[in-house]
Amino acid sequence: ILFEEILPQYVSKDVWDMFLVIIQL
């Protein structure tokens, strides 16, 4: 939640939300 504010997001919100799930795998 902290780094999401600091670092830029280069993908859409949907892809970003998926990313946060996929990396858990």
mmCIF file of all heavy atoms, coordinates in Angstrom:
data_MODEL
# 
_entry.id   MODEL 
# 
loop_
_atom_site.group_PDB 
_atom_site.id 
_atom_site.type_symbol 
_atom_site.label_atom_id 
_atom_site.label_alt_id 
_atom_site.label_comp_id 
_atom_site.label_asym_id 
_atom_site.label_entity_id 
_atom_site.label_seq_id 
_atom_site.pdbx_PDB_ins_code 
_atom_site.Cartn_x 
_atom_site.Cartn_y 
_atom_site.Cartn_z 
_atom_site.occupancy 
_atom_site.B_iso_or_equiv 
_atom_site.pdbx_formal_charge 
_atom_site.auth_seq_id 
_atom_site.auth_comp_id 
_atom_site.auth_asym_id 
_atom_site.auth_atom_id 
_atom_site.pdbx_PDB_model_num 
ATOM 1   N N   . ILE A 1 1  ? 0.829   -1.199  0.000   1.00 0.00 ? 1  ILE A N   1 
ATOM 2   C CA  . ILE A 1 1  ? 0.000   0.000   0.000   1.00 0.00 ? 1  ILE A CA  1 
ATOM 3   C C   . ILE A 1 1  ? 0.869   1.257   0.000   1.00 0.00 ? 1  ILE A C   1 
ATOM 4   O O   . ILE A 1 1  ? 0.487   2.299   -0.533  1.00 0.00 ? 1  ILE A O   1 
ATOM 5   C CB  . ILE A 1 1  ? -0.973  0.003   1.213   1.00 0.00 ? 1  ILE A CB  1 
ATOM 6   C CG1 . ILE A 1 1  ? -2.138  0.966   0.968   1.00 0.00 ? 1  ILE A CG1 1 
ATOM 7   C CG2 . ILE A 1 1  ? -0.255  0.400   2.502   1.00 0.00 ? 1  ILE A CG2 1 
ATOM 8   C CD1 . ILE A 1 1  ? -3.221  0.873   2.023   1.00 0.00 ? 1  ILE A CD1 1 
ATOM 9   N N   . LEU A 1 2  ? 2.065   1.151   0.584   1.00 0.00 ? 2  LEU A N   1 
ATOM 10  C CA  . LEU A 1 2  ? 2.987   2.280   0.612   1.00 0.00 ? 2  LEU A CA  1 
ATOM 11  C C   . LEU A 1 2  ? 3.686   2.444   -0.735  1.00 0.00 ? 2  LEU A C   1 
ATOM 12  O O   . LEU A 1 2  ? 3.721   3.538   -1.305  1.00 0.00 ? 2  LEU A O   1 
ATOM 13  C CB  . LEU A 1 2  ? 4.024   2.075   1.731   1.00 0.00 ? 2  LEU A CB  1 
ATOM 14  C CG  . LEU A 1 2  ? 5.078   3.176   1.917   1.00 0.00 ? 2  LEU A CG  1 
ATOM 15  C CD1 . LEU A 1 2  ? 4.413   4.502   2.258   1.00 0.00 ? 2  LEU A CD1 1 
ATOM 16  C CD2 . LEU A 1 2  ? 6.068   2.795   3.007   1.00 0.00 ? 2  LEU A CD2 1 
ATOM 17  N N   . PHE A 1 3  ? 4.212   1.339   -1.266  1.00 0.00 ? 3  PHE A N   1 
ATOM 18  C CA  . PHE A 1 3  ? 4.960   1.412   -2.523  1.00 0.00 ? 3  PHE A CA  1 
ATOM 19  C C   . PHE A 1 3  ? 4.057   1.639   -3.738  1.00 0.00 ? 3  PHE A C   1 
ATOM 20  O O   . PHE A 1 3  ? 4.519   2.122   -4.768  1.00 0.00 ? 3  PHE A O   1 
ATOM 21  C CB  . PHE A 1 3  ? 5.809   0.147   -2.710  1.00 0.00 ? 3  PHE A CB  1 
ATOM 22  C CG  . PHE A 1 3  ? 7.088   0.173   -1.926  1.00 0.00 ? 3  PHE A CG  1 
ATOM 23  C CD1 . PHE A 1 3  ? 7.142   -0.297  -0.626  1.00 0.00 ? 3  PHE A CD1 1 
ATOM 24  C CD2 . PHE A 1 3  ? 8.245   0.699   -2.483  1.00 0.00 ? 3  PHE A CD2 1 
ATOM 25  C CE1 . PHE A 1 3  ? 8.319   -0.261  0.109   1.00 0.00 ? 3  PHE A CE1 1 
ATOM 26  C CE2 . PHE A 1 3  ? 9.432   0.744   -1.766  1.00 0.00 ? 3  PHE A CE2 1 
ATOM 27  C CZ  . PHE A 1 3  ? 9.470   0.269   -0.466  1.00 0.00 ? 3  PHE A CZ  1 
ATOM 28  N N   . GLU A 1 4  ? 2.794   1.304   -3.621  1.00 0.00 ? 4  GLU A N   1 
ATOM 29  C CA  . GLU A 1 4  ? 1.861   1.589   -4.718  1.00 0.00 ? 4  GLU A CA  1 
ATOM 30  C C   . GLU A 1 4  ? 1.736   3.097   -4.924  1.00 0.00 ? 4  GLU A C   1 
ATOM 31  O O   . GLU A 1 4  ? 1.475   3.566   -6.031  1.00 0.00 ? 4  GLU A O   1 
ATOM 32  C CB  . GLU A 1 4  ? 0.486   0.994   -4.412  1.00 0.00 ? 4  GLU A CB  1 
ATOM 33  C CG  . GLU A 1 4  ? 0.354   -0.482  -4.746  1.00 0.00 ? 4  GLU A CG  1 
ATOM 34  C CD  . GLU A 1 4  ? -1.048  -1.005  -4.496  1.00 0.00 ? 4  GLU A CD  1 
ATOM 35  O OE1 . GLU A 1 4  ? -1.892  -0.874  -5.388  1.00 0.00 ? 4  GLU A OE1 1 
ATOM 36  O OE2 . GLU A 1 4  ? -1.293  -1.529  -3.395  1.00 0.00 ? 4  GLU A OE2 1 
ATOM 37  N N   . GLU A 1 5  ? 1.891   3.838   -3.849  1.00 0.00 ? 5  GLU A N   1 
ATOM 38  C CA  . GLU A 1 5  ? 1.799   5.297   -3.920  1.00 0.00 ? 5  GLU A CA  1 
ATOM 39  C C   . GLU A 1 5  ? 3.099   5.913   -4.427  1.00 0.00 ? 5  GLU A C   1 
ATOM 40  O O   . GLU A 1 5  ? 3.098   6.976   -5.047  1.00 0.00 ? 5  GLU A O   1 
ATOM 41  C CB  . GLU A 1 5  ? 1.458   5.864   -2.531  1.00 0.00 ? 5  GLU A CB  1 
ATOM 42  C CG  . GLU A 1 5  ? 0.081   5.499   -2.019  1.00 0.00 ? 5  GLU A CG  1 
ATOM 43  C CD  . GLU A 1 5  ? -1.024  6.118   -2.853  1.00 0.00 ? 5  GLU A CD  1 
ATOM 44  O OE1 . GLU A 1 5  ? -0.837  7.258   -3.336  1.00 0.00 ? 5  GLU A OE1 1 
ATOM 45  O OE2 . GLU A 1 5  ? -2.067  5.464   -3.041  1.00 0.00 ? 5  GLU A OE2 1 
ATOM 46  N N   . ILE A 1 6  ? 4.208   5.257   -4.134  1.00 0.00 ? 6  ILE A N   1 
ATOM 47  C CA  . ILE A 1 6  ? 5.527   5.810   -4.472  1.00 0.00 ? 6  ILE A CA  1 
ATOM 48  C C   . ILE A 1 6  ? 5.922   5.507   -5.918  1.00 0.00 ? 6  ILE A C   1 
ATOM 49  O O   . ILE A 1 6  ? 6.390   6.387   -6.645  1.00 0.00 ? 6  ILE A O   1 
ATOM 50  C CB  . ILE A 1 6  ? 6.608   5.253   -3.517  1.00 0.00 ? 6  ILE A CB  1 
ATOM 51  C CG1 . ILE A 1 6  ? 6.310   5.680   -2.076  1.00 0.00 ? 6  ILE A CG1 1 
ATOM 52  C CG2 . ILE A 1 6  ? 7.989   5.732   -3.933  1.00 0.00 ? 6  ILE A CG2 1 
ATOM 53  C CD1 . ILE A 1 6  ? 7.225   5.051   -1.045  1.00 0.00 ? 6  ILE A CD1 1 
ATOM 54  N N   . LEU A 1 7  ? 5.737   4.256   -6.339  1.00 0.00 ? 7  LEU A N   1 
ATOM 55  C CA  . LEU A 1 7  ? 6.193   3.833   -7.662  1.00 0.00 ? 7  LEU A CA  1 
ATOM 56  C C   . LEU A 1 7  ? 5.104   4.007   -8.727  1.00 0.00 ? 7  LEU A C   1 
ATOM 57  O O   . LEU A 1 7  ? 3.919   3.837   -8.435  1.00 0.00 ? 7  LEU A O   1 
ATOM 58  C CB  . LEU A 1 7  ? 6.631   2.366   -7.626  1.00 0.00 ? 7  LEU A CB  1 
ATOM 59  C CG  . LEU A 1 7  ? 7.824   2.053   -6.721  1.00 0.00 ? 7  LEU A CG  1 
ATOM 60  C CD1 . LEU A 1 7  ? 8.094   0.554   -6.714  1.00 0.00 ? 7  LEU A CD1 1 
ATOM 61  C CD2 . LEU A 1 7  ? 9.063   2.795   -7.195  1.00 0.00 ? 7  LEU A CD2 1 
ATOM 62  N N   . PRO A 1 8  ? 5.504   4.334   -9.953  1.00 0.00 ? 8  PRO A N   1 
ATOM 63  C CA  . PRO A 1 8  ? 4.530   4.496   -11.038 1.00 0.00 ? 8  PRO A CA  1 
ATOM 64  C C   . PRO A 1 8  ? 3.974   3.149   -11.492 1.00 0.00 ? 8  PRO A C   1 
ATOM 65  O O   . PRO A 1 8  ? 4.641   2.124   -11.367 1.00 0.00 ? 8  PRO A O   1 
ATOM 66  C CB  . PRO A 1 8  ? 5.358   5.141   -12.156 1.00 0.00 ? 8  PRO A CB  1 
ATOM 67  C CG  . PRO A 1 8  ? 6.743   4.667   -11.901 1.00 0.00 ? 8  PRO A CG  1 
ATOM 68  C CD  . PRO A 1 8  ? 6.882   4.607   -10.400 1.00 0.00 ? 8  PRO A CD  1 
ATOM 69  N N   . GLN A 1 9  ? 2.738   3.150   -11.977 1.00 0.00 ? 9  GLN A N   1 
ATOM 70  C CA  . GLN A 1 9  ? 2.115   1.943   -12.498 1.00 0.00 ? 9  GLN A CA  1 
ATOM 71  C C   . GLN A 1 9  ? 2.021   2.079   -14.015 1.00 0.00 ? 9  GLN A C   1 
ATOM 72  O O   . GLN A 1 9  ? 1.359   2.976   -14.518 1.00 0.00 ? 9  GLN A O   1 
ATOM 73  C CB  . GLN A 1 9  ? 0.730   1.746   -11.884 1.00 0.00 ? 9  GLN A CB  1 
ATOM 74  C CG  . GLN A 1 9  ? 0.766   1.518   -10.376 1.00 0.00 ? 9  GLN A CG  1 
ATOM 75  C CD  . GLN A 1 9  ? -0.629  1.376   -9.770  1.00 0.00 ? 9  GLN A CD  1 
ATOM 76  O OE1 . GLN A 1 9  ? -1.605  1.186   -10.471 1.00 0.00 ? 9  GLN A OE1 1 
ATOM 77  N NE2 . GLN A 1 9  ? -0.707  1.481   -8.454  1.00 0.00 ? 9  GLN A NE2 1 
ATOM 78  N N   . TYR A 1 10 ? 2.681   1.166   -14.723 1.00 0.00 ? 10 TYR A N   1 
ATOM 79  C CA  . TYR A 1 10 ? 2.751   1.240   -16.175 1.00 0.00 ? 10 TYR A CA  1 
ATOM 80  C C   . TYR A 1 10 ? 1.655   0.431   -16.868 1.00 0.00 ? 10 TYR A C   1 
ATOM 81  O O   . TYR A 1 10 ? 1.649   0.320   -18.084 1.00 0.00 ? 10 TYR A O   1 
ATOM 82  C CB  . TYR A 1 10 ? 4.121   0.753   -16.653 1.00 0.00 ? 10 TYR A CB  1 
ATOM 83  C CG  . TYR A 1 10 ? 5.256   1.649   -16.220 1.00 0.00 ? 10 TYR A CG  1 
ATOM 84  C CD1 . TYR A 1 10 ? 5.925   1.431   -15.021 1.00 0.00 ? 10 TYR A CD1 1 
ATOM 85  C CD2 . TYR A 1 10 ? 5.656   2.724   -17.014 1.00 0.00 ? 10 TYR A CD2 1 
ATOM 86  C CE1 . TYR A 1 10 ? 6.977   2.253   -14.625 1.00 0.00 ? 10 TYR A CE1 1 
ATOM 87  C CE2 . TYR A 1 10 ? 6.707   3.550   -16.625 1.00 0.00 ? 10 TYR A CE2 1 
ATOM 88  C CZ  . TYR A 1 10 ? 7.365   3.306   -15.424 1.00 0.00 ? 10 TYR A CZ  1 
ATOM 89  O OH  . TYR A 1 10 ? 8.389   4.135   -15.040 1.00 0.00 ? 10 TYR A OH  1 
ATOM 90  N N   . VAL A 1 11 ? 0.761   -0.160  -16.095 1.00 0.00 ? 11 VAL A N   1 
ATOM 91  C CA  . VAL A 1 11 ? -0.297  -1.000  -16.664 1.00 0.00 ? 11 VAL A CA  1 
ATOM 92  C C   . VAL A 1 11 ? -1.655  -0.501  -16.180 1.00 0.00 ? 11 VAL A C   1 
ATOM 93  O O   . VAL A 1 11 ? -1.742  0.339   -15.286 1.00 0.00 ? 11 VAL A O   1 
ATOM 94  C CB  . VAL A 1 11 ? -0.110  -2.480  -16.254 1.00 0.00 ? 11 VAL A CB  1 
ATOM 95  C CG1 . VAL A 1 11 ? 1.141   -3.059  -16.893 1.00 0.00 ? 11 VAL A CG1 1 
ATOM 96  C CG2 . VAL A 1 11 ? -0.041  -2.627  -14.738 1.00 0.00 ? 11 VAL A CG2 1 
ATOM 97  N N   . SER A 1 12 ? -2.721  -1.040  -16.766 1.00 0.00 ? 12 SER A N   1 
ATOM 98  C CA  . SER A 1 12 ? -4.077  -0.647  -16.381 1.00 0.00 ? 12 SER A CA  1 
ATOM 99  C C   . SER A 1 12 ? -4.382  -1.140  -14.970 1.00 0.00 ? 12 SER A C   1 
ATOM 100 O O   . SER A 1 12 ? -3.699  -2.028  -14.450 1.00 0.00 ? 12 SER A O   1 
ATOM 101 C CB  . SER A 1 12 ? -5.095  -1.224  -17.359 1.00 0.00 ? 12 SER A CB  1 
ATOM 102 O OG  . SER A 1 12 ? -5.129  -2.644  -17.246 1.00 0.00 ? 12 SER A OG  1 
ATOM 103 N N   . LYS A 1 13 ? -5.420  -0.590  -14.358 1.00 0.00 ? 13 LYS A N   1 
ATOM 104 C CA  . LYS A 1 13 ? -5.787  -0.979  -13.003 1.00 0.00 ? 13 LYS A CA  1 
ATOM 105 C C   . LYS A 1 13 ? -6.149  -2.467  -12.936 1.00 0.00 ? 13 LYS A C   1 
ATOM 106 O O   . LYS A 1 13 ? -5.797  -3.150  -11.966 1.00 0.00 ? 13 LYS A O   1 
ATOM 107 C CB  . LYS A 1 13 ? -6.970  -0.146  -12.501 1.00 0.00 ? 13 LYS A CB  1 
ATOM 108 C CG  . LYS A 1 13 ? -7.309  -0.421  -11.031 1.00 0.00 ? 13 LYS A CG  1 
ATOM 109 C CD  . LYS A 1 13 ? -8.476  0.390   -10.564 1.00 0.00 ? 13 LYS A CD  1 
ATOM 110 C CE  . LYS A 1 13 ? -8.743  0.160   -9.077  1.00 0.00 ? 13 LYS A CE  1 
ATOM 111 N NZ  . LYS A 1 13 ? -8.908  -1.268  -8.723  1.00 0.00 ? 13 LYS A NZ  1 
ATOM 112 N N   . ASP A 1 14 ? -6.849  -2.976  -13.960 1.00 0.00 ? 14 ASP A N   1 
ATOM 113 C CA  . ASP A 1 14 ? -7.220  -4.388  -13.970 1.00 0.00 ? 14 ASP A CA  1 
ATOM 114 C C   . ASP A 1 14 ? -5.991  -5.292  -13.999 1.00 0.00 ? 14 ASP A C   1 
ATOM 115 O O   . ASP A 1 14 ? -5.924  -6.295  -13.278 1.00 0.00 ? 14 ASP A O   1 
ATOM 116 C CB  . ASP A 1 14 ? -8.115  -4.693  -15.179 1.00 0.00 ? 14 ASP A CB  1 
ATOM 117 C CG  . ASP A 1 14 ? -9.515  -4.122  -15.012 1.00 0.00 ? 14 ASP A CG  1 
ATOM 118 O OD1 . ASP A 1 14 ? -9.913  -3.874  -13.859 1.00 0.00 ? 14 ASP A OD1 1 
ATOM 119 O OD2 . ASP A 1 14 ? -10.188 -3.924  -16.035 1.00 0.00 ? 14 ASP A OD2 1 
ATOM 120 N N   . VAL A 1 15 ? -5.020  -4.936  -14.833 1.00 0.00 ? 15 VAL A N   1 
ATOM 121 C CA  . VAL A 1 15 ? -3.785  -5.729  -14.926 1.00 0.00 ? 15 VAL A CA  1 
ATOM 122 C C   . VAL A 1 15 ? -3.000  -5.613  -13.621 1.00 0.00 ? 15 VAL A C   1 
ATOM 123 O O   . VAL A 1 15 ? -2.411  -6.584  -13.145 1.00 0.00 ? 15 VAL A O   1 
ATOM 124 C CB  . VAL A 1 15 ? -2.917  -5.276  -16.114 1.00 0.00 ? 15 VAL A CB  1 
ATOM 125 C CG1 . VAL A 1 15 ? -1.568  -5.999  -16.110 1.00 0.00 ? 15 VAL A CG1 1 
ATOM 126 C CG2 . VAL A 1 15 ? -3.636  -5.543  -17.431 1.00 0.00 ? 15 VAL A CG2 1 
ATOM 127 N N   . TRP A 1 16 ? -2.999  -4.422  -13.045 1.00 0.00 ? 16 TRP A N   1 
ATOM 128 C CA  . TRP A 1 16 ? -2.293  -4.214  -11.779 1.00 0.00 ? 16 TRP A CA  1 
ATOM 129 C C   . TRP A 1 16 ? -2.892  -5.073  -10.669 1.00 0.00 ? 16 TRP A C   1 
ATOM 130 O O   . TRP A 1 16 ? -2.175  -5.712  -9.899  1.00 0.00 ? 16 TRP A O   1 
ATOM 131 C CB  . TRP A 1 16 ? -2.340  -2.743  -11.385 1.00 0.00 ? 16 TRP A CB  1 
ATOM 132 C CG  . TRP A 1 16 ? -1.594  -2.457  -10.108 1.00 0.00 ? 16 TRP A CG  1 
ATOM 133 C CD1 . TRP A 1 16 ? -2.118  -2.305  -8.865  1.00 0.00 ? 16 TRP A CD1 1 
ATOM 134 C CD2 . TRP A 1 16 ? -0.175  -2.341  -9.956  1.00 0.00 ? 16 TRP A CD2 1 
ATOM 135 N NE1 . TRP A 1 16 ? -1.123  -2.097  -7.942  1.00 0.00 ? 16 TRP A NE1 1 
ATOM 136 C CE2 . TRP A 1 16 ? 0.074   -2.113  -8.586  1.00 0.00 ? 16 TRP A CE2 1 
ATOM 137 C CE3 . TRP A 1 16 ? 0.888   -2.407  -10.846 1.00 0.00 ? 16 TRP A CE3 1 
ATOM 138 C CZ2 . TRP A 1 16 ? 1.360   -1.942  -8.095  1.00 0.00 ? 16 TRP A CZ2 1 
ATOM 139 C CZ3 . TRP A 1 16 ? 2.170   -2.243  -10.335 1.00 0.00 ? 16 TRP A CZ3 1 
ATOM 140 C CH2 . TRP A 1 16 ? 2.397   -2.008  -8.984  1.00 0.00 ? 16 TRP A CH2 1 
ATOM 141 N N   . ASP A 1 17 ? -4.221  -5.093  -10.591 1.00 0.00 ? 17 ASP A N   1 
ATOM 142 C CA  . ASP A 1 17 ? -4.903  -5.913  -9.587  1.00 0.00 ? 17 ASP A CA  1 
ATOM 143 C C   . ASP A 1 17 ? -4.573  -7.390  -9.790  1.00 0.00 ? 17 ASP A C   1 
ATOM 144 O O   . ASP A 1 17 ? -4.392  -8.134  -8.826  1.00 0.00 ? 17 ASP A O   1 
ATOM 145 C CB  . ASP A 1 17 ? -6.416  -5.702  -9.657  1.00 0.00 ? 17 ASP A CB  1 
ATOM 146 C CG  . ASP A 1 17 ? -6.831  -4.318  -9.170  1.00 0.00 ? 17 ASP A CG  1 
ATOM 147 O OD1 . ASP A 1 17 ? -6.031  -3.683  -8.451  1.00 0.00 ? 17 ASP A OD1 1 
ATOM 148 O OD2 . ASP A 1 17 ? -7.944  -3.874  -9.521  1.00 0.00 ? 17 ASP A OD2 1 
ATOM 149 N N   . MET A 1 18 ? -4.509  -7.818  -11.052 1.00 0.00 ? 18 MET A N   1 
ATOM 150 C CA  . MET A 1 18 ? -4.149  -9.201  -11.347 1.00 0.00 ? 18 MET A CA  1 
ATOM 151 C C   . MET A 1 18 ? -2.698  -9.465  -10.963 1.00 0.00 ? 18 MET A C   1 
ATOM 152 O O   . MET A 1 18 ? -2.379  -10.545 -10.429 1.00 0.00 ? 18 MET A O   1 
ATOM 153 C CB  . MET A 1 18 ? -4.357  -9.511  -12.830 1.00 0.00 ? 18 MET A CB  1 
ATOM 154 C CG  . MET A 1 18 ? -3.930  -10.913 -13.230 1.00 0.00 ? 18 MET A CG  1 
ATOM 155 S SD  . MET A 1 18 ? -4.156  -11.261 -14.980 1.00 0.00 ? 18 MET A SD  1 
ATOM 156 C CE  . MET A 1 18 ? -5.662  -12.205 -14.924 1.00 0.00 ? 18 MET A CE  1 
ATOM 157 N N   . PHE A 1 19 ? -1.837  -8.516  -11.205 1.00 0.00 ? 19 PHE A N   1 
ATOM 158 C CA  . PHE A 1 19 ? -0.414  -8.644  -10.881 1.00 0.00 ? 19 PHE A CA  1 
ATOM 159 C C   . PHE A 1 19 ? -0.214  -8.927  -9.396  1.00 0.00 ? 19 PHE A C   1 
ATOM 160 O O   . PHE A 1 19 ? 0.565   -9.805  -9.015  1.00 0.00 ? 19 PHE A O   1 
ATOM 161 C CB  . PHE A 1 19 ? 0.309   -7.354  -11.273 1.00 0.00 ? 19 PHE A CB  1 
ATOM 162 C CG  . PHE A 1 19 ? 1.744   -7.287  -10.826 1.00 0.00 ? 19 PHE A CG  1 
ATOM 163 C CD1 . PHE A 1 19 ? 2.721   -8.040  -11.448 1.00 0.00 ? 19 PHE A CD1 1 
ATOM 164 C CD2 . PHE A 1 19 ? 2.126   -6.450  -9.782  1.00 0.00 ? 19 PHE A CD2 1 
ATOM 165 C CE1 . PHE A 1 19 ? 4.048   -7.972  -11.040 1.00 0.00 ? 19 PHE A CE1 1 
ATOM 166 C CE2 . PHE A 1 19 ? 3.438   -6.374  -9.368  1.00 0.00 ? 19 PHE A CE2 1 
ATOM 167 C CZ  . PHE A 1 19 ? 4.405   -7.137  -9.994  1.00 0.00 ? 19 PHE A CZ  1 
ATOM 168 N N   . LEU A 1 20 ? -0.939  -8.200  -8.545  1.00 0.00 ? 20 LEU A N   1 
ATOM 169 C CA  . LEU A 1 20 ? -0.805  -8.366  -7.100  1.00 0.00 ? 20 LEU A CA  1 
ATOM 170 C C   . LEU A 1 20 ? -1.254  -9.752  -6.648  1.00 0.00 ? 20 LEU A C   1 
ATOM 171 O O   . LEU A 1 20 ? -0.844  -10.228 -5.585  1.00 0.00 ? 20 LEU A O   1 
ATOM 172 C CB  . LEU A 1 20 ? -1.619  -7.288  -6.368  1.00 0.00 ? 20 LEU A CB  1 
ATOM 173 C CG  . LEU A 1 20 ? -1.142  -5.839  -6.579  1.00 0.00 ? 20 LEU A CG  1 
ATOM 174 C CD1 . LEU A 1 20 ? -2.041  -4.875  -5.808  1.00 0.00 ? 20 LEU A CD1 1 
ATOM 175 C CD2 . LEU A 1 20 ? 0.311   -5.664  -6.159  1.00 0.00 ? 20 LEU A CD2 1 
ATOM 176 N N   . VAL A 1 21 ? -2.101  -10.400 -7.457  1.00 0.00 ? 21 VAL A N   1 
ATOM 177 C CA  . VAL A 1 21 ? -2.548  -11.759 -7.153  1.00 0.00 ? 21 VAL A CA  1 
ATOM 178 C C   . VAL A 1 21 ? -1.567  -12.786 -7.715  1.00 0.00 ? 21 VAL A C   1 
ATOM 179 O O   . VAL A 1 21 ? -1.169  -13.731 -7.031  1.00 0.00 ? 21 VAL A O   1 
ATOM 180 C CB  . VAL A 1 21 ? -3.955  -12.012 -7.746  1.00 0.00 ? 21 VAL A CB  1 
ATOM 181 C CG1 . VAL A 1 21 ? -4.345  -13.475 -7.571  1.00 0.00 ? 21 VAL A CG1 1 
ATOM 182 C CG2 . VAL A 1 21 ? -4.981  -11.110 -7.083  1.00 0.00 ? 21 VAL A CG2 1 
ATOM 183 N N   . ILE A 1 22 ? -1.154  -12.579 -8.958  1.00 0.00 ? 22 ILE A N   1 
ATOM 184 C CA  . ILE A 1 22 ? -0.275  -13.532 -9.646  1.00 0.00 ? 22 ILE A CA  1 
ATOM 185 C C   . ILE A 1 22 ? 1.076   -13.691 -8.945  1.00 0.00 ? 22 ILE A C   1 
ATOM 186 O O   . ILE A 1 22 ? 1.608   -14.804 -8.835  1.00 0.00 ? 22 ILE A O   1 
ATOM 187 C CB  . ILE A 1 22 ? -0.049  -13.104 -11.112 1.00 0.00 ? 22 ILE A CB  1 
ATOM 188 C CG1 . ILE A 1 22 ? -1.349  -13.204 -11.906 1.00 0.00 ? 22 ILE A CG1 1 
ATOM 189 C CG2 . ILE A 1 22 ? 1.034   -13.956 -11.766 1.00 0.00 ? 22 ILE A CG2 1 
ATOM 190 C CD1 . ILE A 1 22 ? -1.879  -14.603 -12.063 1.00 0.00 ? 22 ILE A CD1 1 
ATOM 191 N N   . ILE A 1 23 ? 1.645   -12.590 -8.453  1.00 0.00 ? 23 ILE A N   1 
ATOM 192 C CA  . ILE A 1 23 ? 2.965   -12.700 -7.818  1.00 0.00 ? 23 ILE A CA  1 
ATOM 193 C C   . ILE A 1 23 ? 2.905   -13.547 -6.548  1.00 0.00 ? 23 ILE A C   1 
ATOM 194 O O   . ILE A 1 23 ? 3.920   -14.102 -6.115  1.00 0.00 ? 23 ILE A O   1 
ATOM 195 C CB  . ILE A 1 23 ? 3.589   -11.316 -7.512  1.00 0.00 ? 23 ILE A CB  1 
ATOM 196 C CG1 . ILE A 1 23 ? 2.684   -10.478 -6.606  1.00 0.00 ? 23 ILE A CG1 1 
ATOM 197 C CG2 . ILE A 1 23 ? 3.917   -10.585 -8.790  1.00 0.00 ? 23 ILE A CG2 1 
ATOM 198 C CD1 . ILE A 1 23 ? 3.311   -9.162  -6.185  1.00 0.00 ? 23 ILE A CD1 1 
ATOM 199 N N   . GLN A 1 24 ? 1.709   -13.669 -5.958  1.00 0.00 ? 24 GLN A N   1 
ATOM 200 C CA  . GLN A 1 24 ? 1.562   -14.533 -4.790  1.00 0.00 ? 24 GLN A CA  1 
ATOM 201 C C   . GLN A 1 24 ? 1.796   -15.998 -5.163  1.00 0.00 ? 24 GLN A C   1 
ATOM 202 O O   . GLN A 1 24 ? 2.256   -16.787 -4.342  1.00 0.00 ? 24 GLN A O   1 
ATOM 203 C CB  . GLN A 1 24 ? 0.170   -14.387 -4.183  1.00 0.00 ? 24 GLN A CB  1 
ATOM 204 C CG  . GLN A 1 24 ? -0.067  -13.061 -3.483  1.00 0.00 ? 24 GLN A CG  1 
ATOM 205 C CD  . GLN A 1 24 ? -1.419  -13.016 -2.804  1.00 0.00 ? 24 GLN A CD  1 
ATOM 206 O OE1 . GLN A 1 24 ? -2.331  -13.773 -3.130  1.00 0.00 ? 24 GLN A OE1 1 
ATOM 207 N NE2 . GLN A 1 24 ? -1.568  -12.123 -1.857  1.00 0.00 ? 24 GLN A NE2 1 
ATOM 208 N N   . LEU A 1 25 ? 1.458   -16.355 -6.399  1.00 0.00 ? 25 LEU A N   1 
ATOM 209 C CA  . LEU A 1 25 ? 1.661   -17.737 -6.848  1.00 0.00 ? 25 LEU A CA  1 
ATOM 210 C C   . LEU A 1 25 ? 3.146   -18.093 -6.871  1.00 0.00 ? 25 LEU A C   1 
ATOM 211 O O   . LEU A 1 25 ? 3.526   -19.233 -6.609  1.00 0.00 ? 25 LEU A O   1 
ATOM 212 C CB  . LEU A 1 25 ? 1.038   -17.933 -8.231  1.00 0.00 ? 25 LEU A CB  1 
ATOM 213 C CG  . LEU A 1 25 ? -0.484  -17.736 -8.314  1.00 0.00 ? 25 LEU A CG  1 
ATOM 214 C CD1 . LEU A 1 25 ? -0.968  -17.940 -9.737  1.00 0.00 ? 25 LEU A CD1 1 
ATOM 215 C CD2 . LEU A 1 25 ? -1.207  -18.688 -7.367  1.00 0.00 ? 25 LEU A CD2 1 
# 
